Amino acid sequence: MTITVLTQPNCAACRWVTKSLDAEGLPYELRDVRDDPSAEDLLVGIYQRLRPGMHPQTPVTILEDHGIVFGPDIRSRLRELRQASAA
């Protein structure tokens, strides 16, 4: 599974997501929305499509073929994926 975390500097919730992924031993790509215009465009596009009218915020974790997680609650989503694959 390819994992991309849209992040920005000094984001405590972003650090929580990366620590959670590290603890699970899952590789991921960090994309800083402040330094990478295409990452910012991706963040804005995700919000326009899935959360219209809301202000884009980080973290947003993109789990290829398994959805998008808004905010720091990555552990719950990973648990759901593990349970689904075990069934």
C-alpha atoms as a PDB file:
ATOM      1  CA  MET A   1       0.000   0.000   0.000  1.00  0.00           C
ATOM      2  CA  THR A   2       1.300   3.440  -0.907  1.00  0.00           C
ATOM      3  CA  ILE A   3       0.804   6.016   1.852  1.00  0.00           C
ATOM      4  CA  THR A   4       1.153   9.769   1.403  1.00  0.00           C
ATOM      5  CA  VAL A   5       0.892  12.206   4.297  1.00  0.00           C
ATOM      6  CA  LEU A   6       0.118  15.826   3.463  1.00  0.00           C
ATOM      7  CA  THR A   7       1.770  17.839   6.203  1.00  0.00           C
ATOM      8  CA  GLN A   8       3.188  21.229   7.166  1.00  0.00           C
ATOM      9  CA  PRO A   9       5.825  22.474   9.602  1.00  0.00           C
ATOM     10  CA  ASN A  10       5.028  22.507  13.327  1.00  0.00           C
ATOM     11  CA  CYS A  11       1.941  20.307  12.919  1.00  0.00           C
ATOM     12  CA  ALA A  12       1.571  18.170  16.051  1.00  0.00           C
ATOM     13  CA  ALA A  13      -1.178  16.054  14.497  1.00  0.00           C
ATOM     14  CA  CYS A  14       1.088  15.397  11.500  1.00  0.00           C
ATOM     15  CA  ARG A  15       3.829  14.164  13.840  1.00  0.00           C
ATOM     16  CA  TRP A  16       1.288  11.847  15.494  1.00  0.00           C
ATOM     17  CA  VAL A  17       0.403  10.333  12.106  1.00  0.00           C
ATOM     18  CA  THR A  18       4.043   9.744  11.159  1.00  0.00           C
ATOM     19  CA  LYS A  19       4.820   8.229  14.587  1.00  0.00           C
ATOM     20  CA  SER A  20       1.819   5.927  14.211  1.00  0.00           C
ATOM     21  CA  LEU A  21       2.936   4.818  10.750  1.00  0.00           C
ATOM     22  CA  ASP A  22       6.500   4.316  12.003  1.00  0.00           C
ATOM     23  CA  ALA A  23       5.185   2.191  14.892  1.00  0.00           C
ATOM     24  CA  GLU A  24       3.322   0.020  12.377  1.00  0.00           C
ATOM     25  CA  GLY A  25       6.452  -0.269  10.227  1.00  0.00           C
ATOM     26  CA  LEU A  26       4.666   1.205   7.223  1.00  0.00           C
ATOM     27  CA  PRO A  27       6.584   3.247   4.654  1.00  0.00           C
ATOM     28  CA  TYR A  28       5.127   6.600   3.663  1.00  0.00           C
ATOM     29  CA  GLU A  29       5.896   9.741   1.721  1.00  0.00           C
ATOM     30  CA  LEU A  30       5.662  13.145   3.408  1.00  0.00           C
ATOM     31  CA  ARG A  31       4.568  16.074   1.276  1.00  0.00           C
ATOM     32  CA  ASP A  32       4.822  19.529   2.822  1.00  0.00           C
ATOM     33  CA  VAL A  33       1.953  21.691   1.551  1.00  0.00           C
ATOM     34  CA  ARG A  34       3.879  24.870   2.338  1.00  0.00           C
ATOM     35  CA  ASP A  35       6.963  23.963   0.265  1.00  0.00           C
ATOM     36  CA  ASP A  36       5.388  21.847  -2.470  1.00  0.00           C
ATOM     37  CA  PRO A  37       2.777  23.635  -4.630  1.00  0.00           C
ATOM     38  CA  SER A  38       1.529  20.355  -6.093  1.00  0.00           C
ATOM     39  CA  ALA A  39       0.971  18.978  -2.565  1.00  0.00           C
ATOM     40  CA  GLU A  40      -0.987  22.123  -1.696  1.00  0.00           C
ATOM     41  CA  ASP A  41      -3.075  21.704  -4.866  1.00  0.00           C
ATOM     42  CA  LEU A  42      -3.714  18.076  -3.924  1.00  0.00           C
ATOM     43  CA  LEU A  43      -4.836  19.084  -0.407  1.00  0.00           C
ATOM     44  CA  VAL A  44      -7.170  21.791  -1.734  1.00  0.00           C
ATOM     45  CA  GLY A  45      -8.575  19.424  -4.369  1.00  0.00           C
ATOM     46  CA  ILE A  46      -9.289  16.724  -1.794  1.00  0.00           C
ATOM     47  CA  TYR A  47     -11.141  19.209   0.394  1.00  0.00           C
ATOM     48  CA  GLN A  48     -13.100  20.640  -2.549  1.00  0.00           C
ATOM     49  CA  ARG A  49     -14.157  17.151  -3.585  1.00  0.00           C
ATOM     50  CA  LEU A  50     -14.785  15.500  -0.205  1.00  0.00           C
ATOM     51  CA  ARG A  51     -15.344  18.370   2.231  1.00  0.00           C
ATOM     52  CA  PRO A  52     -16.654  21.308   0.215  1.00  0.00           C
ATOM     53  CA  GLY A  53     -16.793  24.592   2.082  1.00  0.00           C
ATOM     54  CA  MET A  54     -14.303  23.484   4.744  1.00  0.00           C
ATOM     55  CA  HIS A  55     -10.886  25.073   5.168  1.00  0.00           C
ATOM     56  CA  PRO A  56      -8.119  22.620   4.131  1.00  0.00           C
ATOM     57  CA  GLN A  57      -6.051  21.400   7.076  1.00  0.00           C
ATOM     58  CA  THR A  58      -3.278  18.916   7.660  1.00  0.00           C
ATOM     59  CA  PRO A  59      -2.700  16.099   8.192  1.00  0.00           C
ATOM     60  CA  VAL A  60      -4.423  14.302   5.383  1.00  0.00           C
ATOM     61  CA  THR A  61      -3.258  10.734   4.883  1.00  0.00           C
ATOM     62  CA  ILE A  62      -3.874   9.131   1.509  1.00  0.00           C
ATOM     63  CA  LEU A  63      -3.984   5.342   1.670  1.00  0.00           C
ATOM     64  CA  GLU A  64      -3.836   4.229  -1.958  1.00  0.00           C
ATOM     65  CA  ASP A  65      -6.908   2.110  -2.771  1.00  0.00           C
ATOM     66  CA  HIS A  66      -8.018   2.352   0.899  1.00  0.00           C
ATOM     67  CA  GLY A  67      -9.288   5.892   1.249  1.00  0.00           C
ATOM     68  CA  ILE A  68      -8.302   9.152   2.866  1.00  0.00           C
ATOM     69  CA  VAL A  69      -7.930   9.912   6.564  1.00  0.00           C
ATOM     70  CA  PHE A  70      -8.497  13.481   7.705  1.00  0.00           C
ATOM     71  CA  GLY A  71      -6.747  14.453  10.914  1.00  0.00           C
ATOM     72  CA  PRO A  72      -4.646  12.368  13.270  1.00  0.00           C
ATOM     73  CA  ASP A  73      -6.865   9.283  13.678  1.00  0.00           C
ATOM     74  CA  ILE A  74      -4.777   7.017  11.448  1.00  0.00           C
ATOM     75  CA  ARG A  75      -4.621   4.205  14.006  1.00  0.00           C
ATOM     76  CA  SER A  76      -8.360   3.522  13.816  1.00  0.00           C
ATOM     77  CA  ARG A  77      -8.231   3.301  10.022  1.00  0.00           C
ATOM     78  CA  LEU A  78      -5.228   0.968  10.086  1.00  0.00           C
ATOM     79  CA  ARG A  79      -7.042  -1.241  12.609  1.00  0.00           C
ATOM     80  CA  GLU A  80     -10.091  -1.373  10.310  1.00  0.00           C
ATOM     81  CA  LEU A  81      -7.885  -2.370   7.376  1.00  0.00           C
ATOM     82  CA  ARG A  82      -6.200  -5.135   9.401  1.00  0.00           C
ATOM     83  CA  GLN A  83      -9.586  -6.501  10.514  1.00  0.00           C
ATOM     84  CA  ALA A  84     -10.948  -6.422   6.973  1.00  0.00           C
ATOM     85  CA  SER A  85      -7.922  -8.264   5.602  1.00  0.00           C
ATOM     86  CA  ALA A  86      -8.141 -10.896   8.366  1.00  0.00           C
ATOM     87  CA  ALA A  87     -11.806 -11.629   7.597  1.00  0.00           C
END
